[in-house]
All heavy atoms as atom14 arrays in JSON, in Angstrom:
{
  "sequence": "AAASFVLGQLVYLVWVAAMAMAEARRSKQRG",
  "atom14_mask": [
    [1, 1, 1, 1, 1, 0, 0, 0, 0, 0, 0, 0, 0, 0],
    [1, 1, 1, 1, 1, 0, 0, 0, 0, 0, 0, 0, 0, 0],
    [1, 1, 1, 1, 1, 0, 0, 0, 0, 0, 0, 0, 0, 0],
    [1, 1, 1, 1, 1, 1, 0, 0, 0, 0, 0, 0, 0, 0],
    [1, 1, 1, 1, 1, 1, 1, 1, 1, 1, 1, 0, 0, 0],
    [1, 1, 1, 1, 1, 1, 1, 0, 0, 0, 0, 0, 0, 0],
    [1, 1, 1, 1, 1, 1, 1, 1, 0, 0, 0, 0, 0, 0],
    [1, 1, 1, 1, 0, 0, 0, 0, 0, 0, 0, 0, 0, 0],
    [1, 1, 1, 1, 1, 1, 1, 1, 1, 0, 0, 0, 0, 0],
    [1, 1, 1, 1, 1, 1, 1, 1, 0, 0, 0, 0, 0, 0],
    [1, 1, 1, 1, 1, 1, 1, 0, 0, 0, 0, 0, 0, 0],
    [1, 1, 1, 1, 1, 1, 1, 1, 1, 1, 1, 1, 0, 0],
    [1, 1, 1, 1, 1, 1, 1, 1, 0, 0, 0, 0, 0, 0],
    [1, 1, 1, 1, 1, 1, 1, 0, 0, 0, 0, 0, 0, 0],
    [1, 1, 1, 1, 1, 1, 1, 1, 1, 1, 1, 1, 1, 1],
    [1, 1, 1, 1, 1, 1, 1, 0, 0, 0, 0, 0, 0, 0],
    [1, 1, 1, 1, 1, 0, 0, 0, 0, 0, 0, 0, 0, 0],
    [1, 1, 1, 1, 1, 0, 0, 0, 0, 0, 0, 0, 0, 0],
    [1, 1, 1, 1, 1, 1, 1, 1, 0, 0, 0, 0, 0, 0],
    [1, 1, 1, 1, 1, 0, 0, 0, 0, 0, 0, 0, 0, 0],
    [1, 1, 1, 1, 1, 1, 1, 1, 0, 0, 0, 0, 0, 0],
    [1, 1, 1, 1, 1, 0, 0, 0, 0, 0, 0, 0, 0, 0],
    [1, 1, 1, 1, 1, 1, 1, 1, 1, 0, 0, 0, 0, 0],
    [1, 1, 1, 1, 1, 0, 0, 0, 0, 0, 0, 0, 0, 0],
    [1, 1, 1, 1, 1, 1, 1, 1, 1, 1, 1, 0, 0, 0],
    [1, 1, 1, 1, 1, 1, 1, 1, 1, 1, 1, 0, 0, 0],
    [1, 1, 1, 1, 1, 1, 0, 0, 0, 0, 0, 0, 0, 0],
    [1, 1, 1, 1, 1, 1, 1, 1, 1, 0, 0, 0, 0, 0],
    [1, 1, 1, 1, 1, 1, 1, 1, 1, 0, 0, 0, 0, 0],
    [1, 1, 1, 1, 1, 1, 1, 1, 1, 1, 1, 0, 0, 0],
    [1, 1, 1, 1, 0, 0, 0, 0, 0, 0, 0, 0, 0, 0]
  ],
  "atom14_positions": [
    [[13.84, -14.1, 13.03], [13.11, -13.65, 14.22], [13.34, -12.14, 14.25], [12.44, -11.34, 14.59], [13.75, -14.33, 15.55], [0.0, 0.0, 0.0], [0.0, 0.0, 0.0], [0.0, 0.0, 0.0], [0.0, 0.0, 0.0], [0.0, 0.0, 0.0], [0.0, 0.0, 0.0], [0.0, 0.0, 0.0], [0.0, 0.0, 0.0], [0.0, 0.0, 0.0]],
    [[14.55, -11.64, 14.07], [14.85, -10.2, 14.16], [14.07, -9.53, 12.96], [13.61, -8.49, 13.22], [16.38, -9.94, 13.94], [0.0, 0.0, 0.0], [0.0, 0.0, 0.0], [0.0, 0.0, 0.0], [0.0, 0.0, 0.0], [0.0, 0.0, 0.0], [0.0, 0.0, 0.0], [0.0, 0.0, 0.0], [0.0, 0.0, 0.0], [0.0, 0.0, 0.0]],
    [[13.99, -10.12, 11.78], [13.21, -9.45, 10.74], [11.75, -9.38, 11.11], [11.17, -8.36, 10.77], [13.5, -10.31, 9.37], [0.0, 0.0, 0.0], [0.0, 0.0, 0.0], [0.0, 0.0, 0.0], [0.0, 0.0, 0.0], [0.0, 0.0, 0.0], [0.0, 0.0, 0.0], [0.0, 0.0, 0.0], [0.0, 0.0, 0.0], [0.0, 0.0, 0.0]],
    [[11.27, -10.43, 11.73], [9.81, -10.42, 12.07], [9.56, -9.34, 13.18], [8.57, -8.69, 13.14], [9.34, -11.81, 12.53], [9.91, -12.08, 13.76], [0.0, 0.0, 0.0], [0.0, 0.0, 0.0], [0.0, 0.0, 0.0], [0.0, 0.0, 0.0], [0.0, 0.0, 0.0], [0.0, 0.0, 0.0], [0.0, 0.0, 0.0], [0.0, 0.0, 0.0]],
    [[10.61, -9.12, 14.11], [10.48, -8.16, 15.04], [10.43, -6.74, 14.51], [9.56, -5.91, 14.89], [11.52, -8.38, 16.07], [11.44, -7.45, 17.31], [10.45, -7.77, 18.26], [12.09, -6.38, 17.51], [10.36, -6.91, 19.5], [12.09, -5.53, 18.58], [11.09, -5.8, 19.57], [0.0, 0.0, 0.0], [0.0, 0.0, 0.0], [0.0, 0.0, 0.0]],
    [[11.39, -6.49, 13.59], [11.41, -5.15, 12.99], [10.23, -4.95, 12.14], [9.69, -3.74, 12.12], [12.7, -5.12, 12.12], [12.73, -3.87, 11.21], [14.0, -5.16, 13.0], [0.0, 0.0, 0.0], [0.0, 0.0, 0.0], [0.0, 0.0, 0.0], [0.0, 0.0, 0.0], [0.0, 0.0, 0.0], [0.0, 0.0, 0.0], [0.0, 0.0, 0.0]],
    [[9.69, -5.94, 11.38], [8.48, -5.7, 10.63], [7.34, -5.42, 11.47], [6.52, -4.56, 11.12], [8.31, -7.04, 9.81], [7.62, -6.82, 8.46], [8.58, -6.24, 7.49], [7.04, -8.11, 7.97], [0.0, 0.0, 0.0], [0.0, 0.0, 0.0], [0.0, 0.0, 0.0], [0.0, 0.0, 0.0], [0.0, 0.0, 0.0], [0.0, 0.0, 0.0]],
    [[7.3, -6.08, 12.63], [6.18, -5.73, 13.6], [6.28, -4.35, 14.04], [5.26, -3.65, 14.22], [0.0, 0.0, 0.0], [0.0, 0.0, 0.0], [0.0, 0.0, 0.0], [0.0, 0.0, 0.0], [0.0, 0.0, 0.0], [0.0, 0.0, 0.0], [0.0, 0.0, 0.0], [0.0, 0.0, 0.0], [0.0, 0.0, 0.0], [0.0, 0.0, 0.0]],
    [[7.45, -3.86, 14.35], [7.53, -2.43, 14.84], [7.17, -1.46, 13.72], [6.56, -0.44, 13.97], [9.1, -2.26, 15.21], [9.55, -3.03, 16.33], [8.85, -2.7, 17.64], [8.6, -1.5, 17.9], [8.6, -3.67, 18.48], [0.0, 0.0, 0.0], [0.0, 0.0, 0.0], [0.0, 0.0, 0.0], [0.0, 0.0, 0.0], [0.0, 0.0, 0.0]],
    [[7.56, -1.78, 12.45], [7.17, -0.97, 11.39], [5.54, -0.95, 11.22], [5.01, 0.19, 10.95], [7.77, -1.29, 10.16], [9.33, -1.07, 10.05], [9.8, -1.69, 8.77], [9.61, 0.37, 10.07], [0.0, 0.0, 0.0], [0.0, 0.0, 0.0], [0.0, 0.0, 0.0], [0.0, 0.0, 0.0], [0.0, 0.0, 0.0], [0.0, 0.0, 0.0]],
    [[4.96, -2.07, 11.38], [3.45, -2.15, 11.29], [2.85, -1.32, 12.44], [1.93, -0.53, 12.16], [2.99, -3.58, 11.35], [1.45, -3.66, 11.56], [3.43, -4.25, 10.07], [0.0, 0.0, 0.0], [0.0, 0.0, 0.0], [0.0, 0.0, 0.0], [0.0, 0.0, 0.0], [0.0, 0.0, 0.0], [0.0, 0.0, 0.0], [0.0, 0.0, 0.0]],
    [[3.46, -1.34, 13.61], [2.96, -0.6, 14.82], [3.12, 0.9, 14.53], [2.24, 1.67, 14.77], [3.67, -1.02, 16.11], [3.19, -0.35, 17.27], [1.94, -0.56, 17.75], [3.93, 0.75, 17.87], [1.47, 0.0, 18.91], [3.44, 1.25, 19.0], [2.21, 0.98, 19.57], [1.71, 1.61, 20.66], [0.0, 0.0, 0.0], [0.0, 0.0, 0.0]],
    [[4.17, 1.27, 13.96], [4.47, 2.71, 13.66], [3.38, 3.22, 12.58], [2.92, 4.36, 12.8], [5.89, 2.84, 13.06], [6.27, 4.26, 12.59], [6.33, 5.12, 13.87], [7.57, 4.29, 11.94], [0.0, 0.0, 0.0], [0.0, 0.0, 0.0], [0.0, 0.0, 0.0], [0.0, 0.0, 0.0], [0.0, 0.0, 0.0], [0.0, 0.0, 0.0]],
    [[3.16, 2.46, 11.54], [2.17, 2.83, 10.58], [0.76, 2.92, 11.32], [0.04, 3.82, 10.97], [2.18, 1.76, 9.45], [0.86, 2.05, 8.52], [3.42, 2.02, 8.62], [0.0, 0.0, 0.0], [0.0, 0.0, 0.0], [0.0, 0.0, 0.0], [0.0, 0.0, 0.0], [0.0, 0.0, 0.0], [0.0, 0.0, 0.0], [0.0, 0.0, 0.0]],
    [[0.52, 1.9, 12.14], [-0.8, 2.0, 12.81], [-0.89, 3.26, 13.7], [-2.02, 3.93, 13.6], [-0.97, 0.72, 13.73], [-2.17, 0.72, 14.52], [-2.33, 1.16, 15.84], [-3.52, 0.42, 14.06], [-3.58, 0.94, 16.24], [-4.35, 0.55, 15.19], [-4.04, 0.05, 12.97], [-5.75, 0.31, 15.1], [-5.4, -0.2, 12.79], [-6.22, -0.14, 13.93]],
    [[0.1, 3.62, 14.42], [0.01, 4.79, 15.24], [-0.18, 6.06, 14.43], [-0.95, 6.98, 14.72], [1.26, 4.87, 16.2], [1.37, 6.24, 16.84], [1.22, 3.74, 17.22], [0.0, 0.0, 0.0], [0.0, 0.0, 0.0], [0.0, 0.0, 0.0], [0.0, 0.0, 0.0], [0.0, 0.0, 0.0], [0.0, 0.0, 0.0], [0.0, 0.0, 0.0]],
    [[0.53, 6.08, 13.25], [0.51, 7.38, 12.44], [-0.91, 7.46, 11.82], [-1.4, 8.57, 11.72], [1.53, 7.26, 11.3], [0.0, 0.0, 0.0], [0.0, 0.0, 0.0], [0.0, 0.0, 0.0], [0.0, 0.0, 0.0], [0.0, 0.0, 0.0], [0.0, 0.0, 0.0], [0.0, 0.0, 0.0], [0.0, 0.0, 0.0], [0.0, 0.0, 0.0]],
    [[-1.49, 6.35, 11.43], [-2.82, 6.29, 10.9], [-3.82, 6.74, 11.93], [-4.82, 7.59, 11.6], [-3.16, 4.88, 10.27], [0.0, 0.0, 0.0], [0.0, 0.0, 0.0], [0.0, 0.0, 0.0], [0.0, 0.0, 0.0], [0.0, 0.0, 0.0], [0.0, 0.0, 0.0], [0.0, 0.0, 0.0], [0.0, 0.0, 0.0], [0.0, 0.0, 0.0]],
    [[-3.69, 6.31, 13.07], [-4.68, 6.7, 14.17], [-4.47, 8.19, 14.46], [-5.49, 8.85, 14.7], [-4.34, 5.83, 15.46], [-4.62, 4.43, 15.18], [-6.38, 4.08, 14.85], [-7.27, 4.42, 16.38], [0.0, 0.0, 0.0], [0.0, 0.0, 0.0], [0.0, 0.0, 0.0], [0.0, 0.0, 0.0], [0.0, 0.0, 0.0], [0.0, 0.0, 0.0]],
    [[-3.26, 8.7, 14.52], [-3.04, 10.16, 14.81], [-3.67, 10.97, 13.59], [-4.29, 12.03, 13.91], [-1.49, 10.46, 14.89], [0.0, 0.0, 0.0], [0.0, 0.0, 0.0], [0.0, 0.0, 0.0], [0.0, 0.0, 0.0], [0.0, 0.0, 0.0], [0.0, 0.0, 0.0], [0.0, 0.0, 0.0], [0.0, 0.0, 0.0], [0.0, 0.0, 0.0]],
    [[-3.54, 10.52, 12.36], [-4.06, 11.27, 11.27], [-5.62, 11.25, 11.32], [-6.21, 12.3, 11.12], [-3.58, 10.81, 10.02], [-2.11, 11.13, 9.67], [-1.42, 10.43, 8.17], [-2.73, 10.02, 7.11], [0.0, 0.0, 0.0], [0.0, 0.0, 0.0], [0.0, 0.0, 0.0], [0.0, 0.0, 0.0], [0.0, 0.0, 0.0], [0.0, 0.0, 0.0]],
    [[-6.2, 10.13, 11.69], [-7.67, 10.02, 11.75], [-8.13, 10.92, 12.94], [-9.11, 11.6, 12.76], [-8.06, 8.62, 11.98], [0.0, 0.0, 0.0], [0.0, 0.0, 0.0], [0.0, 0.0, 0.0], [0.0, 0.0, 0.0], [0.0, 0.0, 0.0], [0.0, 0.0, 0.0], [0.0, 0.0, 0.0], [0.0, 0.0, 0.0], [0.0, 0.0, 0.0]],
    [[-7.39, 10.99, 13.99], [-7.88, 11.85, 15.14], [-7.78, 13.37, 14.78], [-8.67, 14.14, 15.09], [-7.0, 11.52, 16.43], [-7.44, 12.41, 17.55], [-8.86, 12.19, 17.97], [-9.42, 11.12, 17.81], [-9.49, 13.13, 18.47], [0.0, 0.0, 0.0], [0.0, 0.0, 0.0], [0.0, 0.0, 0.0], [0.0, 0.0, 0.0], [0.0, 0.0, 0.0]],
    [[-6.76, 13.63, 14.07], [-6.54, 14.96, 13.56], [-7.68, 15.44, 12.53], [-8.22, 16.49, 12.61], [-5.23, 15.24, 12.9], [0.0, 0.0, 0.0], [0.0, 0.0, 0.0], [0.0, 0.0, 0.0], [0.0, 0.0, 0.0], [0.0, 0.0, 0.0], [0.0, 0.0, 0.0], [0.0, 0.0, 0.0], [0.0, 0.0, 0.0], [0.0, 0.0, 0.0]],
    [[-8.02, 14.47, 11.73], [-9.07, 14.73, 10.77], [-10.42, 14.87, 11.53], [-11.22, 15.83, 11.2], [-9.16, 13.59, 9.77], [-10.12, 13.87, 8.64], [-9.97, 12.83, 7.49], [-9.56, 11.43, 7.95], [-8.41, 10.93, 7.65], [-7.43, 11.59, 6.98], [-8.2, 9.65, 7.97], [0.0, 0.0, 0.0], [0.0, 0.0, 0.0], [0.0, 0.0, 0.0]],
    [[-10.72, 14.08, 12.5], [-11.98, 14.15, 13.36], [-12.01, 15.46, 14.06], [-13.03, 16.14, 14.12], [-12.04, 13.0, 14.29], [-12.76, 11.76, 13.74], [-13.15, 10.82, 14.83], [-12.07, 10.32, 15.58], [-11.26, 9.33, 15.27], [-11.5, 8.73, 14.21], [-10.24, 8.92, 16.09], [0.0, 0.0, 0.0], [0.0, 0.0, 0.0], [0.0, 0.0, 0.0]],
    [[-10.86, 15.77, 14.61], [-10.77, 17.05, 15.37], [-11.03, 18.27, 14.47], [-11.78, 19.24, 14.85], [-9.43, 17.16, 15.99], [-9.28, 18.39, 16.71], [0.0, 0.0, 0.0], [0.0, 0.0, 0.0], [0.0, 0.0, 0.0], [0.0, 0.0, 0.0], [0.0, 0.0, 0.0], [0.0, 0.0, 0.0], [0.0, 0.0, 0.0], [0.0, 0.0, 0.0]],
    [[-10.5, 18.19, 13.23], [-10.63, 19.31, 12.36], [-12.09, 19.44, 11.87], [-12.63, 20.6, 11.69], [-9.7, 19.17, 11.14], [-9.68, 20.31, 10.25], [-8.56, 20.05, 9.19], [-8.45, 21.2, 8.16], [-7.44, 20.98, 7.14], [0.0, 0.0, 0.0], [0.0, 0.0, 0.0], [0.0, 0.0, 0.0], [0.0, 0.0, 0.0], [0.0, 0.0, 0.0]],
    [[-12.82, 18.34, 11.69], [-14.16, 18.31, 11.22], [-15.1, 18.88, 12.32], [-16.1, 19.46, 11.98], [-14.61, 16.95, 10.8], [-14.05, 16.46, 9.55], [-14.36, 15.12, 9.17], [-14.9, 14.26, 10.06], [-14.06, 14.65, 7.9], [0.0, 0.0, 0.0], [0.0, 0.0, 0.0], [0.0, 0.0, 0.0], [0.0, 0.0, 0.0], [0.0, 0.0, 0.0]],
    [[-14.82, 18.54, 13.52], [-15.69, 18.99, 14.67], [-15.49, 20.54, 14.95], [-16.46, 21.18, 15.35], [-15.26, 18.31, 16.0], [-15.78, 16.88, 16.06], [-15.56, 16.35, 17.43], [-14.2, 16.39, 17.71], [-13.53, 15.44, 18.44], [-14.18, 14.44, 18.78], [-12.22, 15.65, 18.63], [0.0, 0.0, 0.0], [0.0, 0.0, 0.0], [0.0, 0.0, 0.0]],
    [[-14.25, 21.07, 14.67], [-14.16, 22.46, 14.9], [-13.48, 22.77, 16.27], [-13.51, 21.88, 17.19], [0.0, 0.0, 0.0], [0.0, 0.0, 0.0], [0.0, 0.0, 0.0], [0.0, 0.0, 0.0], [0.0, 0.0, 0.0], [0.0, 0.0, 0.0], [0.0, 0.0, 0.0], [0.0, 0.0, 0.0], [0.0, 0.0, 0.0], [0.0, 0.0, 0.0]]
  ]
}
């Protein structure tokens, strides 16, 4: 259970980082 919880947190961290990078890329393209 603890391993699944930690794995879920890592997946969430990767998701947030990917969303932040995508937003930065969109922002850079718009100017």
